[in-house]
N, C-alpha and C. Protein backbone atom coordinates (compact mmCIF):
# COMPACT_ATOMS: atom_id res chain seq x y z
N UNK A 1 2.09 1.53 16.39
CA UNK A 1 1.83 1.23 14.38
C UNK A 1 1.99 2.37 13.74
N UNK A 2 2.56 2.42 12.59
CA UNK A 2 2.85 3.57 11.74
C UNK A 2 1.86 2.88 10.42
N UNK A 3 1.46 4.01 9.76
CA UNK A 3 0.83 4.13 8.74
C UNK A 3 1.19 4.81 7.50
N UNK A 4 1.49 4.37 6.13
CA UNK A 4 1.49 5.05 5.20
C UNK A 4 0.72 5.21 4.07
N UNK A 5 0.30 6.19 3.57
CA UNK A 5 -1.01 6.01 2.92
C UNK A 5 -0.60 6.77 1.36
N UNK A 6 -0.65 6.04 0.32
CA UNK A 6 -0.25 6.21 -1.58
C UNK A 6 -1.51 6.44 -1.98
N UNK A 7 -1.02 7.61 -2.83
CA UNK A 7 -2.38 7.68 -3.81
C UNK A 7 -1.83 7.57 -5.31
N UNK A 8 -2.60 6.88 -6.27
CA UNK A 8 -1.92 6.92 -7.83
C UNK A 8 -2.95 7.02 -8.76
N UNK A 9 -2.47 7.30 -9.87
CA UNK A 9 -3.54 7.72 -10.82
C UNK A 9 -2.85 6.61 -11.87
N UNK A 10 -3.81 5.57 -11.87
CA UNK A 10 -3.33 4.52 -13.12
C UNK A 10 -3.87 4.47 -14.42
N UNK A 11 -3.42 4.40 -15.63
CA UNK A 11 -3.32 4.71 -17.07
C UNK A 11 -4.31 3.46 -17.29
N UNK A 12 -5.39 4.41 -18.17
CA UNK A 12 -6.58 3.36 -18.37
C UNK A 12 -5.63 2.30 -19.31
N UNK A 13 -6.11 0.84 -18.86
CA UNK A 13 -5.94 -0.33 -19.89
C UNK A 13 -4.88 -0.96 -18.65
N UNK A 14 -4.12 -0.12 -17.55
CA UNK A 14 -3.25 -0.91 -17.07
C UNK A 14 -3.51 -1.49 -15.70
N UNK A 15 -4.98 -1.31 -15.40
CA UNK A 15 -5.01 -1.99 -14.13
C UNK A 15 -4.64 -3.26 -13.58
N UNK A 16 -4.98 -3.84 -14.23
CA UNK A 16 -4.31 -5.20 -13.96
C UNK A 16 -2.88 -5.53 -13.68
N UNK A 17 -1.81 -4.64 -14.66
CA UNK A 17 -0.67 -4.94 -14.35
C UNK A 17 -0.27 -4.30 -13.15
N UNK A 18 -0.59 -3.27 -12.91
CA UNK A 18 -0.54 -2.35 -11.64
C UNK A 18 -1.15 -2.80 -10.60
N UNK A 19 -2.15 -4.02 -10.24
CA UNK A 19 -2.28 -4.90 -9.05
C UNK A 19 -1.65 -5.82 -9.40
N UNK A 20 -0.88 -6.93 -10.24
CA UNK A 20 -0.04 -7.17 -10.20
C UNK A 20 1.19 -6.94 -9.67
N UNK A 21 1.49 -5.83 -10.00
CA UNK A 21 2.98 -5.46 -9.64
C UNK A 21 2.80 -4.98 -8.15
N UNK A 22 1.40 -4.37 -7.47
CA UNK A 22 1.22 -3.99 -6.33
C UNK A 22 1.67 -4.92 -5.21
N UNK A 23 1.11 -6.46 -5.83
CA UNK A 23 0.99 -7.37 -5.08
C UNK A 23 2.48 -7.99 -4.84
N UNK A 24 3.11 -8.12 -5.90
CA UNK A 24 4.54 -8.32 -5.83
C UNK A 24 5.60 -7.67 -4.84
N UNK A 25 5.16 -6.34 -4.81
CA UNK A 25 6.09 -5.34 -4.45
C UNK A 25 5.52 -5.30 -2.72
N UNK A 26 4.32 -5.39 -2.89
CA UNK A 26 3.93 -5.44 -1.04
C UNK A 26 4.05 -6.94 -0.46
N UNK A 27 3.96 -8.11 -1.63
CA UNK A 27 4.73 -9.54 -0.37
C UNK A 27 6.00 -9.15 -0.27
N UNK A 28 6.79 -8.66 -0.90
CA UNK A 28 8.15 -8.66 -0.88
C UNK A 28 8.54 -7.66 0.13
N UNK A 29 7.99 -6.58 0.33
CA UNK A 29 8.29 -5.66 1.31
C UNK A 29 7.73 -6.07 2.79
N UNK A 30 6.84 -7.03 2.66
CA UNK A 30 6.62 -7.87 3.93
C UNK A 30 7.38 -8.87 4.13
N UNK A 31 8.26 -9.39 3.28
CA UNK A 31 8.87 -10.61 3.74
C UNK A 31 10.33 -10.41 3.50
N UNK A 32 10.54 -9.04 2.83
CA UNK A 32 12.05 -8.84 3.43
C UNK A 32 12.44 -7.56 4.15
N UNK A 33 11.41 -6.83 4.47
CA UNK A 33 11.48 -5.50 5.30
C UNK A 33 10.72 -5.16 6.60
N UNK A 34 9.92 -6.24 6.94
CA UNK A 34 9.14 -6.34 7.98
C UNK A 34 7.90 -5.40 8.04
N UNK A 35 7.31 -4.93 7.14
CA UNK A 35 5.87 -4.41 7.11
C UNK A 35 5.02 -5.46 7.65
N UNK A 36 3.63 -4.78 8.12
CA UNK A 36 2.82 -5.38 8.70
C UNK A 36 1.51 -5.64 7.07
N UNK A 37 1.91 -5.67 5.84
CA UNK A 37 1.22 -5.58 4.91
C UNK A 37 0.30 -4.29 4.69
N UNK A 38 -0.13 -4.27 3.57
CA UNK A 38 -0.76 -3.53 3.09
C UNK A 38 -2.61 -3.35 2.50
N UNK A 39 -3.28 -2.74 1.97
CA UNK A 39 -4.74 -3.12 1.58
C UNK A 39 -4.68 -1.79 0.66
N UNK A 40 -5.24 -2.40 -0.61
CA UNK A 40 -5.30 -1.21 -1.61
C UNK A 40 -6.65 -1.26 -2.29
N UNK A 41 -7.05 0.12 -2.40
CA UNK A 41 -8.35 0.33 -2.73
C UNK A 41 -8.63 1.36 -3.74
N UNK A 42 -9.71 1.62 -4.28
CA UNK A 42 -10.04 2.30 -5.53
C UNK A 42 -11.14 3.44 -4.99
N UNK A 43 -10.61 4.89 -5.07
CA UNK A 43 -11.57 6.30 -4.86
C UNK A 43 -12.31 6.20 -5.46
N UNK A 44 -13.65 6.69 -5.54
CA UNK A 44 -14.74 7.02 -6.39
C UNK A 44 -14.26 8.24 -7.20
N UNK A 45 -13.16 9.20 -7.18
CA UNK A 45 -12.55 9.67 -8.50
C UNK A 45 -11.57 8.75 -9.15
N UNK A 46 -11.59 7.63 -8.88
CA UNK A 46 -10.90 6.61 -10.06
C UNK A 46 -9.39 6.59 -9.60
N UNK A 47 -9.22 7.33 -8.44
CA UNK A 47 -7.73 7.00 -8.19
C UNK A 47 -7.75 5.87 -7.39
N UNK A 48 -6.61 5.31 -7.03
CA UNK A 48 -5.91 4.44 -6.31
C UNK A 48 -5.31 4.09 -5.12
N UNK A 49 -5.45 4.12 -3.88
CA UNK A 49 -5.46 4.12 -2.63
C UNK A 49 -4.82 2.96 -1.62
N UNK A 50 -3.40 3.18 -1.26
CA UNK A 50 -3.03 2.08 -0.70
C UNK A 50 -2.55 2.43 0.72
N UNK A 51 -2.47 1.80 1.93
CA UNK A 51 -1.99 1.87 2.85
C UNK A 51 -1.43 1.11 3.91
N UNK A 52 -0.04 1.05 4.00
CA UNK A 52 0.55 0.05 4.49
C UNK A 52 0.90 0.49 5.83
N UNK A 53 0.79 -0.57 6.56
CA UNK A 53 1.00 -1.01 8.10
C UNK A 53 2.50 -1.02 8.48
N UNK A 54 3.36 -0.29 9.70
CA UNK A 54 4.46 -0.49 9.90
C UNK A 54 4.67 -0.88 11.55
N UNK A 55 5.45 -1.62 12.02
CA UNK A 55 5.62 -1.53 13.41
C UNK A 55 5.51 -0.51 13.82
N UNK A 56 6.34 0.70 12.94
CA UNK A 56 6.79 2.32 13.57
C UNK A 56 7.23 2.45 13.16
N UNK A 57 7.23 3.92 12.56
CA UNK A 57 7.83 4.80 11.68
C UNK A 57 9.24 4.57 11.45
N UNK A 58 9.88 4.07 12.54
CA UNK A 58 11.79 4.24 12.27
C UNK A 58 11.21 2.69 11.33
N UNK A 59 10.75 1.52 11.37
CA UNK A 59 10.96 0.51 10.67
C UNK A 59 10.74 1.08 9.17
N UNK A 60 9.62 1.74 8.96
CA UNK A 60 9.12 2.32 7.28
C UNK A 60 10.19 3.13 7.18
N UNK A 61 10.84 3.86 7.35
CA UNK A 61 11.99 4.58 7.53
C UNK A 61 12.91 3.67 6.85
N UNK A 62 13.39 2.65 8.00
CA UNK A 62 14.70 1.91 7.32
C UNK A 62 14.45 1.29 6.16
N UNK A 63 13.17 1.02 6.03
CA UNK A 63 12.77 0.19 4.69
C UNK A 63 12.79 0.37 3.56
N UNK A 64 12.63 2.25 3.45
CA UNK A 64 12.87 2.54 2.45
C UNK A 64 14.41 3.69 2.13
N UNK A 65 15.13 3.23 2.75
CA UNK A 65 16.45 3.73 2.72
C UNK A 65 17.21 3.46 1.60
N UNK A 66 17.66 4.29 0.53
CA UNK A 66 18.25 4.10 -1.01
C UNK A 66 19.32 3.09 -1.18
N UNK A 67 20.29 2.90 -0.15
CA UNK A 67 21.06 1.90 -0.39
C UNK A 67 20.19 0.18 -0.43
N UNK A 68 19.08 0.40 0.25
CA UNK A 68 18.84 -1.14 0.29
C UNK A 68 18.27 -1.18 -1.43
N UNK A 69 18.20 -2.65 -1.59
CA UNK A 69 17.67 -3.13 -2.98
C UNK A 69 16.26 -2.81 -2.69
N UNK A 70 15.60 -2.75 -4.19
CA UNK A 70 14.80 -2.55 -4.12
C UNK A 70 13.36 -4.41 -4.04
N UNK A 71 12.74 -4.39 -3.27
CA UNK A 71 12.47 -5.64 -2.85
C UNK A 71 11.40 -6.16 -3.82
N UNK A 72 11.15 -6.07 -4.85
CA UNK A 72 10.73 -6.59 -6.14
C UNK A 72 10.75 -5.79 -7.08
N UNK A 73 12.06 -6.13 -7.77
CA UNK A 73 12.78 -5.15 -8.86
C UNK A 73 11.29 -5.02 -10.08
N UNK A 74 10.80 -6.53 -10.44
CA UNK A 74 9.78 -6.67 -11.38
C UNK A 74 8.46 -6.26 -11.05
N UNK A 75 8.35 -6.18 -10.31
CA UNK A 75 6.88 -5.63 -9.40
C UNK A 75 6.93 -3.93 -9.97
N UNK A 76 8.04 -3.37 -9.11
CA UNK A 76 7.99 -2.14 -9.15
C UNK A 76 8.46 -1.62 -10.44
N UNK A 77 8.78 -2.26 -11.37
CA UNK A 77 8.61 -2.20 -12.95
C UNK A 77 7.12 -1.70 -13.62
N UNK A 78 6.67 -2.63 -13.00
CA UNK A 78 4.93 -2.78 -13.22
C UNK A 78 4.39 -1.65 -12.85
N UNK A 79 5.01 -1.28 -11.42
CA UNK A 79 3.86 0.04 -10.93
C UNK A 79 4.52 0.83 -11.49
N UNK A 80 5.72 1.34 -12.29
CA UNK A 80 6.37 2.30 -12.67
C UNK A 80 5.70 2.61 -14.17
N UNK A 81 5.42 1.71 -14.76
CA UNK A 81 4.78 1.60 -15.95
C UNK A 81 3.04 2.02 -16.65
N UNK A 82 2.46 1.60 -14.61
CA UNK A 82 1.08 1.82 -14.89
C UNK A 82 0.41 3.00 -14.79
N UNK A 83 1.59 4.04 -13.76
CA UNK A 83 0.84 4.80 -13.35
C UNK A 83 1.35 6.29 -14.05
N UNK A 84 0.55 7.28 -13.91
CA UNK A 84 0.60 8.56 -14.55
C UNK A 84 2.04 8.93 -14.25
N UNK A 85 2.69 9.87 -15.04
CA UNK A 85 4.09 10.21 -15.03
C UNK A 85 3.92 10.95 -13.47
N UNK A 86 2.66 11.96 -13.72
CA UNK A 86 2.63 13.19 -12.48
C UNK A 86 2.63 12.59 -10.97
N UNK A 87 2.64 11.04 -10.58
CA UNK A 87 2.97 10.21 -9.59
C UNK A 87 3.55 9.92 -8.96
N UNK A 88 4.85 10.05 -7.89
CA UNK A 88 5.46 9.36 -7.75
C UNK A 88 5.21 7.96 -6.65
N UNK A 89 5.80 6.95 -6.80
CA UNK A 89 5.48 6.01 -6.66
C UNK A 89 5.79 5.71 -5.03
N UNK A 90 6.89 6.32 -4.33
CA UNK A 90 7.28 5.93 -3.27
C UNK A 90 6.99 6.93 -2.11
N UNK A 91 6.19 8.04 -2.59
CA UNK A 91 5.96 8.95 -1.57
C UNK A 91 4.77 9.20 -1.04
N UNK A 92 4.59 8.69 0.52
CA UNK A 92 2.86 9.02 0.77
C UNK A 92 1.93 10.23 0.65
N UNK A 93 1.43 10.04 0.38
CA UNK A 93 0.38 11.37 0.94
C UNK A 93 0.29 11.59 2.32
N UNK A 94 0.02 10.41 3.25
CA UNK A 94 0.19 10.68 4.20
C UNK A 94 0.75 9.87 5.08
N UNK A 95 1.58 10.43 6.45
CA UNK A 95 1.81 9.22 7.38
C UNK A 95 1.52 9.72 8.78
N UNK A 96 0.74 8.10 8.99
CA UNK A 96 0.08 8.76 10.12
C UNK A 96 0.66 7.43 11.24
N UNK A 97 0.62 7.62 12.63
CA UNK A 97 0.68 7.20 13.72
C UNK A 97 -0.45 6.76 14.24
N UNK A 98 -0.68 5.27 14.40
CA UNK A 98 -2.23 4.87 15.05
C UNK A 98 -2.39 4.49 16.32
N UNK A 99 -3.54 5.41 16.71
CA UNK A 99 -3.35 6.01 18.45
C UNK A 99 -4.57 5.01 19.05
N UNK A 100 -5.41 4.44 18.12
CA UNK A 100 -6.19 3.51 18.58
C UNK A 100 -6.42 2.11 17.46
N UNK A 101 -6.71 1.35 17.13
CA UNK A 101 -6.92 -0.06 16.55
C UNK A 101 -8.15 -0.61 16.89
N UNK A 102 -9.25 -0.24 16.21
CA UNK A 102 -10.68 -1.07 16.04
C UNK A 102 -11.21 -1.96 15.11
N UNK A 103 -10.09 -2.11 14.16
CA UNK A 103 -10.49 -2.51 12.66
C UNK A 103 -10.41 -4.21 13.07
N UNK A 104 -11.53 -4.52 12.24
CA UNK A 104 -11.48 -6.34 12.74
C UNK A 104 -11.96 -6.69 11.25
N UNK A 105 -11.94 -7.96 10.79
CA UNK A 105 -11.83 -8.51 9.78
C UNK A 105 -13.09 -9.28 9.37
N UNK A 106 -13.75 -9.38 10.65
CA UNK A 106 -14.99 -10.14 10.32
C UNK A 106 -16.15 -8.96 11.08
N UNK A 107 -17.56 -9.23 10.83
CA UNK A 107 -18.03 -8.41 11.79
C UNK A 107 -18.20 -9.37 13.12
N UNK A 108 -18.93 -8.41 13.78
CA UNK A 108 -19.21 -9.17 15.40
C UNK A 108 -19.73 -10.83 15.31
N UNK A 109 -19.91 -11.17 15.98
CA UNK A 109 -20.47 -12.56 15.59
C UNK A 109 -22.07 -12.67 15.98
N UNK A 110 -22.58 -11.91 16.61
CA UNK A 110 -24.04 -11.48 16.94
C UNK A 110 -24.86 -10.38 16.24
N UNK A 111 -24.13 -9.91 15.59
CA UNK A 111 -24.28 -8.56 14.25
C UNK A 111 -25.65 -9.24 13.68
N UNK A 112 -26.75 -8.58 13.45
CA UNK A 112 -27.64 -8.69 12.82
C UNK A 112 -28.41 -7.55 11.63
N UNK A 113 -28.50 -8.07 10.68
CA UNK A 113 -28.92 -6.73 9.85
C UNK A 113 -30.54 -6.40 10.06
N UNK A 114 -30.70 -5.31 9.87
CA UNK A 114 -32.20 -5.02 10.28
C UNK A 114 -32.52 -4.29 9.15
N UNK A 115 -34.06 -4.78 8.77
CA UNK A 115 -34.66 -3.81 7.60
C UNK A 115 -34.48 -2.37 8.00
């Protein structure tokens, strides 16, 4: 599995527009180009961080070839309008190959909170 990590500074007041655009683009990339989805986060410094999972780096590279159509032009325009101009939308800050994957979506069923 391959992961691309992205970071942006969203303009004040554009947070909802950015999230909507991110949802549109992420869903379209999943449906059109074979990604495994993405998660959006907010960092303590106020920046927005997303990581996108792909079956492998080759699939990610193929999806971002310049001759391919933009997955969701409206969503992409929303993103572009929402971020500070110094941030490149499509350039990841990290490209990672997953070696082990122990991430879960639910806690272990016998997990108990102890004081």
